[in-house]
Amino acid sequence: MNIFISNLTYAITDGDLNDLFAEYGEISSAKVIKDRETRQSRGFGFVEMSDDAAAKKAIAELDGAEYDGKVIKVAEARPKGDAPRKSGGGFNGGGNRRRF
């Protein structure tokens, strides 16, 4: 199961996320997402756990917990395709314009 963690301090590392979730079970991967240009943390990350039951327990216990001075949000990650699409804006939503 892939887990999304947000509201992280910028000092948190991949290793910190791994350590935070390791007490709940085996971690397949732990990654803090960083800005491409500055390489600074963007304040969120993902942890992947192979055991769904352990992952659900981690989500239940860590969502709303204080970590490194901030209250973090922890939830099951949604696939990219599930994110709401942004409108193109402008006339007629920015797309599919009829031509006469």
PDB file of N, CA and C in Angstrom:
ATOM      1  N   MET A   1       0.853  -1.172   0.000  1.00  0.00           N
ATOM      2  CA  MET A   1       0.000   0.000   0.000  1.00  0.00           C
ATOM      3  C   MET A   1       0.899   1.235   0.000  1.00  0.00           C
ATOM      4  N   ASN A   2       0.512   2.218  -0.785  1.00  0.00           N
ATOM      5  CA  ASN A   2       1.261   3.464  -0.868  1.00  0.00           C
ATOM      6  C   ASN A   2       0.580   4.495   0.042  1.00  0.00           C
ATOM      7  N   ILE A   3       1.379   5.154   0.885  1.00  0.00           N
ATOM      8  CA  ILE A   3       0.867   6.092   1.880  1.00  0.00           C
ATOM      9  C   ILE A   3       1.383   7.487   1.580  1.00  0.00           C
ATOM     10  N   PHE A   4       0.495   8.469   1.627  1.00  0.00           N
ATOM     11  CA  PHE A   4       0.833   9.874   1.396  1.00  0.00           C
ATOM     12  C   PHE A   4       0.940  10.580   2.748  1.00  0.00           C
ATOM     13  N   ILE A   5       2.038  11.304   2.958  1.00  0.00           N
ATOM     14  CA  ILE A   5       2.253  12.043   4.207  1.00  0.00           C
ATOM     15  C   ILE A   5       2.475  13.504   3.843  1.00  0.00           C
ATOM     16  N   SER A   6       1.702  14.412   4.464  1.00  0.00           N
ATOM     17  CA  SER A   6       1.861  15.841   4.169  1.00  0.00           C
ATOM     18  C   SER A   6       2.057  16.638   5.451  1.00  0.00           C
ATOM     19  N   ASN A   7       2.386  17.895   5.266  1.00  0.00           N
ATOM     20  CA  ASN A   7       2.672  18.849   6.341  1.00  0.00           C
ATOM     21  C   ASN A   7       3.960  18.487   7.084  1.00  0.00           C
ATOM     22  N   LEU A   8       4.942  17.991   6.326  1.00  0.00           N
ATOM     23  CA  LEU A   8       6.245  17.660   6.896  1.00  0.00           C
ATOM     24  C   LEU A   8       7.117  18.909   6.957  1.00  0.00           C
ATOM     25  N   THR A   9       8.005  18.964   7.942  1.00  0.00           N
ATOM     26  CA  THR A   9       8.976  20.058   7.970  1.00  0.00           C
ATOM     27  C   THR A   9       9.967  19.824   6.833  1.00  0.00           C
ATOM     28  N   TYR A  10      10.618  20.889   6.404  1.00  0.00           N
ATOM     29  CA  TYR A  10      11.558  20.781   5.293  1.00  0.00           C
ATOM     30  C   TYR A  10      12.828  20.024   5.664  1.00  0.00           C
ATOM     31  N   ALA A  11      13.053  19.784   6.949  1.00  0.00           N
ATOM     32  CA  ALA A  11      14.259  19.078   7.393  1.00  0.00           C
ATOM     33  C   ALA A  11      14.111  17.557   7.341  1.00  0.00           C
ATOM     34  N   ILE A  12      12.895  17.049   7.160  1.00  0.00           N
ATOM     35  CA  ILE A  12      12.645  15.605   7.160  1.00  0.00           C
ATOM     36  C   ILE A  12      13.313  14.958   5.943  1.00  0.00           C
ATOM     37  N   THR A  13      13.947  13.804   6.176  1.00  0.00           N
ATOM     38  CA  THR A  13      14.627  13.073   5.101  1.00  0.00           C
ATOM     39  C   THR A  13      13.897  11.759   4.811  1.00  0.00           C
ATOM     40  N   ASP A  14      14.330  11.093   3.750  1.00  0.00           N
ATOM     41  CA  ASP A  14      13.787   9.769   3.426  1.00  0.00           C
ATOM     42  C   ASP A  14      13.990   8.813   4.606  1.00  0.00           C
ATOM     43  N   GLY A  15      15.157   8.880   5.218  1.00  0.00           N
ATOM     44  CA  GLY A  15      15.467   8.022   6.361  1.00  0.00           C
ATOM     45  C   GLY A  15      14.552   8.287   7.546  1.00  0.00           C
ATOM     46  N   ASP A  16      14.216   9.566   7.778  1.00  0.00           N
ATOM     47  CA  ASP A  16      13.298   9.900   8.868  1.00  0.00           C
ATOM     48  C   ASP A  16      11.926   9.266   8.637  1.00  0.00           C
ATOM     49  N   LEU A  17      11.430   9.350   7.395  1.00  0.00           N
ATOM     50  CA  LEU A  17      10.133   8.740   7.076  1.00  0.00           C
ATOM     51  C   LEU A  17      10.201   7.228   7.269  1.00  0.00           C
ATOM     52  N   ASN A  18      11.287   6.643   6.821  1.00  0.00           N
ATOM     53  CA  ASN A  18      11.468   5.201   6.985  1.00  0.00           C
ATOM     54  C   ASN A  18      11.423   4.832   8.467  1.00  0.00           C
ATOM     55  N   ASP A  19      12.153   5.570   9.289  1.00  0.00           N
ATOM     56  CA  ASP A  19      12.188   5.289  10.729  1.00  0.00           C
ATOM     57  C   ASP A  19      10.813   5.461  11.375  1.00  0.00           C
ATOM     58  N   LEU A  20      10.071   6.485  10.950  1.00  0.00           N
ATOM     59  CA  LEU A  20       8.748   6.763  11.516  1.00  0.00           C
ATOM     60  C   LEU A  20       7.787   5.596  11.271  1.00  0.00           C
ATOM     61  N   PHE A  21       7.831   5.024  10.061  1.00  0.00           N
ATOM     62  CA  PHE A  21       6.886   3.969   9.699  1.00  0.00           C
ATOM     63  C   PHE A  21       7.401   2.564   9.990  1.00  0.00           C
ATOM     64  N   ALA A  22       8.699   2.411  10.226  1.00  0.00           N
ATOM     65  CA  ALA A  22       9.290   1.079  10.414  1.00  0.00           C
ATOM     66  C   ALA A  22       8.697   0.328  11.596  1.00  0.00           C
ATOM     67  N   GLU A  23       8.250   1.044  12.629  1.00  0.00           N
ATOM     68  CA  GLU A  23       7.688   0.340  13.782  1.00  0.00           C
ATOM     69  C   GLU A  23       6.350  -0.333  13.464  1.00  0.00           C
ATOM     70  N   TYR A  24       5.762  -0.010  12.319  1.00  0.00           N
ATOM     71  CA  TYR A  24       4.474  -0.602  11.936  1.00  0.00           C
ATOM     72  C   TYR A  24       4.637  -1.803  11.012  1.00  0.00           C
ATOM     73  N   GLY A  25       5.809  -1.964  10.420  1.00  0.00           N
ATOM     74  CA  GLY A  25       6.028  -3.084   9.516  1.00  0.00           C
ATOM     75  C   GLY A  25       7.119  -2.784   8.515  1.00  0.00           C
ATOM     76  N   GLU A  26       7.264  -3.717   7.575  1.00  0.00           N
ATOM     77  CA  GLU A  26       8.326  -3.610   6.573  1.00  0.00           C
ATOM     78  C   GLU A  26       8.027  -2.487   5.573  1.00  0.00           C
ATOM     79  N   ILE A  27       9.042  -1.669   5.340  1.00  0.00           N
ATOM     80  CA  ILE A  27       8.929  -0.544   4.415  1.00  0.00           C
ATOM     81  C   ILE A  27       9.570  -0.941   3.085  1.00  0.00           C
ATOM     82  N   SER A  28       8.821  -0.807   1.994  1.00  0.00           N
ATOM     83  CA  SER A  28       9.378  -1.079   0.664  1.00  0.00           C
ATOM     84  C   SER A  28      10.159   0.133   0.167  1.00  0.00           C
ATOM     85  N   SER A  29       9.621   1.339   0.441  1.00  0.00           N
ATOM     86  CA  SER A  29      10.305   2.573   0.062  1.00  0.00           C
ATOM     87  C   SER A  29       9.753   3.732   0.882  1.00  0.00           C
ATOM     88  N   ALA A  30      10.594   4.749   1.045  1.00  0.00           N
ATOM     89  CA  ALA A  30      10.201   5.976   1.744  1.00  0.00           C
ATOM     90  C   ALA A  30      10.865   7.130   1.009  1.00  0.00           C
ATOM     91  N   LYS A  31      10.067   8.103   0.565  1.00  0.00           N
ATOM     92  CA  LYS A  31      10.602   9.171  -0.276  1.00  0.00           C
ATOM     93  C   LYS A  31       9.972  10.512   0.066  1.00  0.00           C
ATOM     94  N   VAL A  32      10.813  11.481   0.422  1.00  0.00           N
ATOM     95  CA  VAL A  32      10.374  12.861   0.581  1.00  0.00           C
ATOM     96  C   VAL A  32      10.476  13.502  -0.797  1.00  0.00           C
ATOM     97  N   ILE A  33       9.420  14.165  -1.235  1.00  0.00           N
ATOM     98  CA  ILE A  33       9.418  14.778  -2.561  1.00  0.00           C
ATOM     99  C   ILE A  33      10.126  16.126  -2.487  1.00  0.00           C
ATOM    100  N   LYS A  34      11.039  16.333  -3.443  1.00  0.00           N
ATOM    101  CA  LYS A  34      11.843  17.558  -3.456  1.00  0.00           C
ATOM    102  C   LYS A  34      11.610  18.350  -4.734  1.00  0.00           C
ATOM    103  N   ASP A  35      11.795  19.652  -4.620  1.00  0.00           N
ATOM    104  CA  ASP A  35      11.707  20.544  -5.775  1.00  0.00           C
ATOM    105  C   ASP A  35      12.833  20.195  -6.745  1.00  0.00           C
ATOM    106  N   ARG A  36      12.535  20.138  -8.025  1.00  0.00           N
ATOM    107  CA  ARG A  36      13.545  19.761  -9.023  1.00  0.00           C
ATOM    108  C   ARG A  36      14.713  20.738  -9.089  1.00  0.00           C
ATOM    109  N   GLU A  37      14.407  22.000  -8.965  1.00  0.00           N
ATOM    110  CA  GLU A  37      15.458  23.011  -9.118  1.00  0.00           C
ATOM    111  C   GLU A  37      16.232  23.267  -7.836  1.00  0.00           C
ATOM    112  N   THR A  38      15.532  23.446  -6.717  1.00  0.00           N
ATOM    113  CA  THR A  38      16.207  23.805  -5.462  1.00  0.00           C
ATOM    114  C   THR A  38      16.636  22.595  -4.652  1.00  0.00           C
ATOM    115  N   ARG A  39      16.066  21.424  -4.953  1.00  0.00           N
ATOM    116  CA  ARG A  39      16.321  20.192  -4.210  1.00  0.00           C
ATOM    117  C   ARG A  39      15.854  20.268  -2.760  1.00  0.00           C
ATOM    118  N   GLN A  40      15.044  21.285  -2.439  1.00  0.00           N
ATOM    119  CA  GLN A  40      14.474  21.427  -1.097  1.00  0.00           C
ATOM    120  C   GLN A  40      13.187  20.620  -1.020  1.00  0.00           C
ATOM    121  N   SER A  41      12.919  20.073   0.158  1.00  0.00           N
ATOM    122  CA  SER A  41      11.693  19.315   0.380  1.00  0.00           C
ATOM    123  C   SER A  41      10.474  20.167   0.025  1.00  0.00           C
ATOM    124  N   ARG A  42       9.445  19.522  -0.515  1.00  0.00           N
ATOM    125  CA  ARG A  42       8.192  20.215  -0.814  1.00  0.00           C
ATOM    126  C   ARG A  42       7.179  20.036   0.314  1.00  0.00           C
ATOM    127  N   GLY A  43       7.590  19.355   1.409  1.00  0.00           N
ATOM    128  CA  GLY A  43       6.725  19.228   2.576  1.00  0.00           C
ATOM    129  C   GLY A  43       5.805  18.023   2.563  1.00  0.00           C
ATOM    130  N   PHE A  44       6.031  17.110   1.608  1.00  0.00           N
ATOM    131  CA  PHE A  44       5.233  15.881   1.602  1.00  0.00           C
ATOM    132  C   PHE A  44       6.077  14.734   1.065  1.00  0.00           C
ATOM    133  N   GLY A  45       5.573  13.520   1.278  1.00  0.00           N
ATOM    134  CA  GLY A  45       6.299  12.354   0.810  1.00  0.00           C
ATOM    135  C   GLY A  45       5.409  11.132   0.745  1.00  0.00           C
ATOM    136  N   PHE A  46       6.017  10.015   0.392  1.00  0.00           N
ATOM    137  CA  PHE A  46       5.299   8.757   0.239  1.00  0.00           C
ATOM    138  C   PHE A  46       6.077   7.637   0.907  1.00  0.00           C
ATOM    139  N   VAL A  47       5.337   6.723   1.516  1.00  0.00           N
ATOM    140  CA  VAL A  47       5.922   5.508   2.086  1.00  0.00           C
ATOM    141  C   VAL A  47       5.143   4.345   1.504  1.00  0.00           C
ATOM    142  N   GLU A  48       5.857   3.322   1.068  1.00  0.00           N
ATOM    143  CA  GLU A  48       5.198   2.129   0.549  1.00  0.00           C
ATOM    144  C   GLU A  48       5.465   0.971   1.493  1.00  0.00           C
ATOM    145  N   MET A  49       4.373   0.310   1.894  1.00  0.00           N
ATOM    146  CA  MET A  49       4.468  -0.841   2.794  1.00  0.00           C
ATOM    147  C   MET A  49       3.841  -2.039   2.101  1.00  0.00           C
ATOM    148  N   SER A  50       4.461  -3.214   2.260  1.00  0.00           N
ATOM    149  CA  SER A  50       3.961  -4.412   1.592  1.00  0.00           C
ATOM    150  C   SER A  50       2.744  -5.015   2.290  1.00  0.00           C
ATOM    151  N   ASP A  51       2.615  -4.801   3.593  1.00  0.00           N
ATOM    152  CA  ASP A  51       1.509  -5.366   4.372  1.00  0.00           C
ATOM    153  C   ASP A  51       0.404  -4.315   4.532  1.00  0.00           C
ATOM    154  N   ASP A  52      -0.727  -4.539   3.857  1.00  0.00           N
ATOM    155  CA  ASP A  52      -1.835  -3.571   3.892  1.00  0.00           C
ATOM    156  C   ASP A  52      -2.381  -3.343   5.299  1.00  0.00           C
ATOM    157  N   ALA A  53      -2.451  -4.402   6.107  1.00  0.00           N
ATOM    158  CA  ALA A  53      -2.976  -4.256   7.470  1.00  0.00           C
ATOM    159  C   ALA A  53      -2.055  -3.359   8.297  1.00  0.00           C
ATOM    160  N   ALA A  54      -0.752  -3.547   8.159  1.00  0.00           N
ATOM    161  CA  ALA A  54       0.221  -2.716   8.877  1.00  0.00           C
ATOM    162  C   ALA A  54       0.141  -1.270   8.391  1.00  0.00           C
ATOM    163  N   ALA A  55      -0.039  -1.103   7.094  1.00  0.00           N
ATOM    164  CA  ALA A  55      -0.141   0.242   6.518  1.00  0.00           C
ATOM    165  C   ALA A  55      -1.381   0.962   7.050  1.00  0.00           C
ATOM    166  N   LYS A  56      -2.502   0.259   7.112  1.00  0.00           N
ATOM    167  CA  LYS A  56      -3.735   0.873   7.626  1.00  0.00           C
ATOM    168  C   LYS A  56      -3.599   1.249   9.098  1.00  0.00           C
ATOM    169  N   LYS A  57      -2.889   0.422   9.864  1.00  0.00           N
ATOM    170  CA  LYS A  57      -2.655   0.731  11.273  1.00  0.00           C
ATOM    171  C   LYS A  57      -1.780   1.984  11.385  1.00  0.00           C
ATOM    172  N   ALA A  58      -0.742   2.073  10.554  1.00  0.00           N
ATOM    173  CA  ALA A  58       0.138   3.248  10.563  1.00  0.00           C
ATOM    174  C   ALA A  58      -0.650   4.508  10.211  1.00  0.00           C
ATOM    175  N   ILE A  59      -1.515   4.423   9.207  1.00  0.00           N
ATOM    176  CA  ILE A  59      -2.336   5.573   8.807  1.00  0.00           C
ATOM    177  C   ILE A  59      -3.227   5.997   9.966  1.00  0.00           C
ATOM    178  N   ALA A  60      -3.903   5.031  10.581  1.00  0.00           N
ATOM    179  CA  ALA A  60      -4.832   5.329  11.678  1.00  0.00           C
ATOM    180  C   ALA A  60      -4.118   5.989  12.860  1.00  0.00           C
ATOM    181  N   GLU A  61      -2.923   5.516  13.173  1.00  0.00           N
ATOM    182  CA  GLU A  61      -2.224   6.022  14.356  1.00  0.00           C
ATOM    183  C   GLU A  61      -1.412   7.293  14.095  1.00  0.00           C
ATOM    184  N   LEU A  62      -0.954   7.485  12.868  1.00  0.00           N
ATOM    185  CA  LEU A  62      -0.092   8.642  12.595  1.00  0.00           C
ATOM    186  C   LEU A  62      -0.829   9.851  12.025  1.00  0.00           C
ATOM    187  N   ASP A  63      -2.017   9.654  11.445  1.00  0.00           N
ATOM    188  CA  ASP A  63      -2.761  10.793  10.910  1.00  0.00           C
ATOM    189  C   ASP A  63      -3.155  11.719  12.057  1.00  0.00           C
ATOM    190  N   GLY A  64      -2.713  12.965  11.988  1.00  0.00           N
ATOM    191  CA  GLY A  64      -3.010  13.938  13.033  1.00  0.00           C
ATOM    192  C   GLY A  64      -1.996  13.940  14.170  1.00  0.00           C
ATOM    193  N   ALA A  65      -0.973  13.094  14.065  1.00  0.00           N
ATOM    194  CA  ALA A  65       0.061  13.046  15.099  1.00  0.00           C
ATOM    195  C   ALA A  65       1.056  14.197  14.901  1.00  0.00           C
ATOM    196  N   GLU A  66       1.716  14.570  15.981  1.00  0.00           N
ATOM    197  CA  GLU A  66       2.750  15.596  15.879  1.00  0.00           C
ATOM    198  C   GLU A  66       4.075  14.919  15.571  1.00  0.00           C
ATOM    199  N   TYR A  67       4.754  15.424  14.554  1.00  0.00           N
ATOM    200  CA  TYR A  67       6.055  14.890  14.173  1.00  0.00           C
ATOM    201  C   TYR A  67       6.983  16.047  13.831  1.00  0.00           C
ATOM    202  N   ASP A  68       8.081  16.134  14.508  1.00  0.00           N
ATOM    203  CA  ASP A  68       9.078  17.189  14.317  1.00  0.00           C
ATOM    204  C   ASP A  68       8.438  18.578  14.442  1.00  0.00           C
ATOM    205  N   GLY A  69       7.511  18.702  15.399  1.00  0.00           N
ATOM    206  CA  GLY A  69       6.911  20.007  15.691  1.00  0.00           C
ATOM    207  C   GLY A  69       5.717  20.386  14.841  1.00  0.00           C
ATOM    208  N   LYS A  70       5.290  19.520  13.920  1.00  0.00           N
ATOM    209  CA  LYS A  70       4.124  19.818  13.077  1.00  0.00           C
ATOM    210  C   LYS A  70       3.135  18.656  13.140  1.00  0.00           C
ATOM    211  N   VAL A  71       1.860  18.970  12.978  1.00  0.00           N
ATOM    212  CA  VAL A  71       0.829  17.938  12.927  1.00  0.00           C
ATOM    213  C   VAL A  71       0.760  17.438  11.487  1.00  0.00           C
ATOM    214  N   ILE A  72       1.092  16.164  11.292  1.00  0.00           N
ATOM    215  CA  ILE A  72       1.137  15.604   9.941  1.00  0.00           C
ATOM    216  C   ILE A  72      -0.204  14.993   9.545  1.00  0.00           C
ATOM    217  N   LYS A  73      -0.408  14.921   8.248  1.00  0.00           N
ATOM    218  CA  LYS A  73      -1.589  14.253   7.697  1.00  0.00           C
ATOM    219  C   LYS A  73      -1.094  13.011   6.976  1.00  0.00           C
ATOM    220  N   VAL A  74      -1.745  11.896   7.247  1.00  0.00           N
ATOM    221  CA  VAL A  74      -1.341  10.613   6.679  1.00  0.00           C
ATOM    222  C   VAL A  74      -2.581   9.943   6.101  1.00  0.00           C
ATOM    223  N   ALA A  75      -2.496   9.523   4.843  1.00  0.00           N
ATOM    224  CA  ALA A  75      -3.640   8.894   4.177  1.00  0.00           C
ATOM    225  C   ALA A  75      -3.136   7.935   3.105  1.00  0.00           C
ATOM    226  N   GLU A  76      -4.024   7.042   2.687  1.00  0.00           N
ATOM    227  CA  GLU A  76      -3.681   6.167   1.569  1.00  0.00           C
ATOM    228  C   GLU A  76      -3.524   7.037   0.331  1.00  0.00           C
ATOM    229  N   ALA A  77      -2.439   6.828  -0.395  1.00  0.00           N
ATOM    230  CA  ALA A  77      -2.187   7.619  -1.603  1.00  0.00           C
ATOM    231  C   ALA A  77      -3.154   7.193  -2.699  1.00  0.00           C
ATOM    232  N   ARG A  78      -3.624   8.179  -3.443  1.00  0.00           N
ATOM    233  CA  ARG A  78      -4.491   7.895  -4.581  1.00  0.00           C
ATOM    234  C   ARG A  78      -3.635   7.855  -5.846  1.00  0.00           C
ATOM    235  N   PRO A  79      -3.977   7.006  -6.790  1.00  0.00           N
ATOM    236  CA  PRO A  79      -3.246   7.007  -8.067  1.00  0.00           C
ATOM    237  C   PRO A  79      -3.373   8.376  -8.735  1.00  0.00           C
ATOM    238  N   LYS A  80      -2.380   8.738  -9.536  1.00  0.00           N
ATOM    239  CA  LYS A  80      -2.385  10.039 -10.200  1.00  0.00           C
ATOM    240  C   LYS A  80      -3.676  10.286 -10.970  1.00  0.00           C
ATOM    241  N   GLY A  81      -4.229   9.278 -11.597  1.00  0.00           N
ATOM    242  CA  GLY A  81      -5.440   9.426 -12.391  1.00  0.00           C
ATOM    243  C   GLY A  81      -6.659   9.813 -11.574  1.00  0.00           C
ATOM    244  N   ASP A  82      -6.622   9.629 -10.246  1.00  0.00           N
ATOM    245  CA  ASP A  82      -7.762   9.957  -9.393  1.00  0.00           C
ATOM    246  C   ASP A  82      -7.797  11.421  -8.983  1.00  0.00           C
ATOM    247  N   ALA A  83      -6.739  12.158  -9.263  1.00  0.00           N
ATOM    248  CA  ALA A  83      -6.696  13.571  -8.872  1.00  0.00           C
ATOM    249  C   ALA A  83      -7.672  14.356  -9.735  1.00  0.00           C
ATOM    250  N   PRO A  84      -8.362  15.341  -9.142  1.00  0.00           N
ATOM    251  CA  PRO A  84      -9.285  16.139  -9.944  1.00  0.00           C
ATOM    252  C   PRO A  84      -8.538  16.902 -11.025  1.00  0.00           C
ATOM    253  N   ARG A  85      -9.119  16.954 -12.199  1.00  0.00           N
ATOM    254  CA  ARG A  85      -8.489  17.671 -13.315  1.00  0.00           C
ATOM    255  C   ARG A  85      -8.762  19.163 -13.196  1.00  0.00           C
ATOM    256  N   LYS A  86      -7.776  19.931 -13.576  1.00  0.00           N
ATOM    257  CA  LYS A  86      -7.937  21.379 -13.572  1.00  0.00           C
ATOM    258  C   LYS A  86      -8.490  21.803 -14.922  1.00  0.00           C
ATOM    259  N   SER A  87      -9.387  22.750 -14.897  1.00  0.00           N
ATOM    260  CA  SER A  87      -9.960  23.283 -16.128  1.00  0.00           C
ATOM    261  C   SER A  87      -8.923  24.140 -16.832  1.00  0.00           C
ATOM    262  N   GLY A  88      -9.007  24.170 -18.138  1.00  0.00           N
ATOM    263  CA  GLY A  88      -8.087  24.986 -18.919  1.00  0.00           C
ATOM    264  C   GLY A  88      -8.367  26.467 -18.766  1.00  0.00           C
ATOM    265  N   GLY A  89      -9.540  26.805 -18.240  1.00  0.00           N
ATOM    266  CA  GLY A  89      -9.879  28.211 -18.055  1.00  0.00           C
ATOM    267  C   GLY A  89     -10.224  28.874 -19.379  1.00  0.00           C
ATOM    268  N   GLY A  90     -10.519  30.142 -19.318  1.00  0.00           N
ATOM    269  CA  GLY A  90     -10.827  30.892 -20.540  1.00  0.00           C
ATOM    270  C   GLY A  90     -12.179  30.536 -21.109  1.00  0.00           C
ATOM    271  N   PHE A  91     -12.400  30.939 -22.335  1.00  0.00           N
ATOM    272  CA  PHE A  91     -13.661  30.711 -23.022  1.00  0.00           C
ATOM    273  C   PHE A  91     -13.911  29.219 -23.193  1.00  0.00           C
ATOM    274  N   ASN A  92     -15.103  28.758 -22.810  1.00  0.00           N
ATOM    275  CA  ASN A  92     -15.520  27.379 -22.979  1.00  0.00           C
ATOM    276  C   ASN A  92     -14.560  26.396 -22.296  1.00  0.00           C
ATOM    277  N   GLY A  93     -14.020  26.769 -21.154  1.00  0.00           N
ATOM    278  CA  GLY A  93     -13.155  25.872 -20.407  1.00  0.00           C
ATOM    279  C   GLY A  93     -11.783  25.674 -21.012  1.00  0.00           C
ATOM    280  N   GLY A  94     -11.472  26.394 -22.064  1.00  0.00           N
ATOM    281  CA  GLY A  94     -10.139  26.325 -22.635  1.00  0.00           C
ATOM    282  C   GLY A  94      -9.914  25.179 -23.598  1.00  0.00           C
ATOM    283  N   GLY A  95     -10.934  24.408 -23.897  1.00  0.00           N
ATOM    284  CA  GLY A  95     -10.725  23.291 -24.818  1.00  0.00           C
ATOM    285  C   GLY A  95     -11.978  22.943 -25.573  1.00  0.00           C
ATOM    286  N   ASN A  96     -11.833  22.079 -26.539  1.00  0.00           N
ATOM    287  CA  ASN A  96     -12.970  21.596 -27.338  1.00  0.00           C
ATOM    288  C   ASN A  96     -13.814  22.735 -27.899  1.00  0.00           C
ATOM    289  N   ARG A  97     -13.196  23.699 -28.478  1.00  0.00           N
ATOM    290  CA  ARG A  97     -13.935  24.831 -29.058  1.00  0.00           C
ATOM    291  C   ARG A  97     -14.467  24.443 -30.429  1.00  0.00           C
ATOM    292  N   ARG A  98     -15.654  24.866 -30.684  1.00  0.00           N
ATOM    293  CA  ARG A  98     -16.248  24.616 -32.001  1.00  0.00           C
ATOM    294  C   ARG A  98     -15.745  25.662 -32.971  1.00  0.00           C
ATOM    295  N   ARG A  99     -15.407  25.217 -34.136  1.00  0.00           N
ATOM    296  CA  ARG A  99     -14.965  26.154 -35.189  1.00  0.00           C
ATOM    297  C   ARG A  99     -16.042  26.201 -36.253  1.00  0.00           C
ATOM    298  N   PHE A 100     -16.339  27.405 -36.701  1.00  0.00           N
ATOM    299  CA  PHE A 100     -17.393  27.582 -37.709  1.00  0.00           C
ATOM    300  C   PHE A 100     -16.792  27.947 -39.039  1.00  0.00           C
TER     301      PHE A 100
END
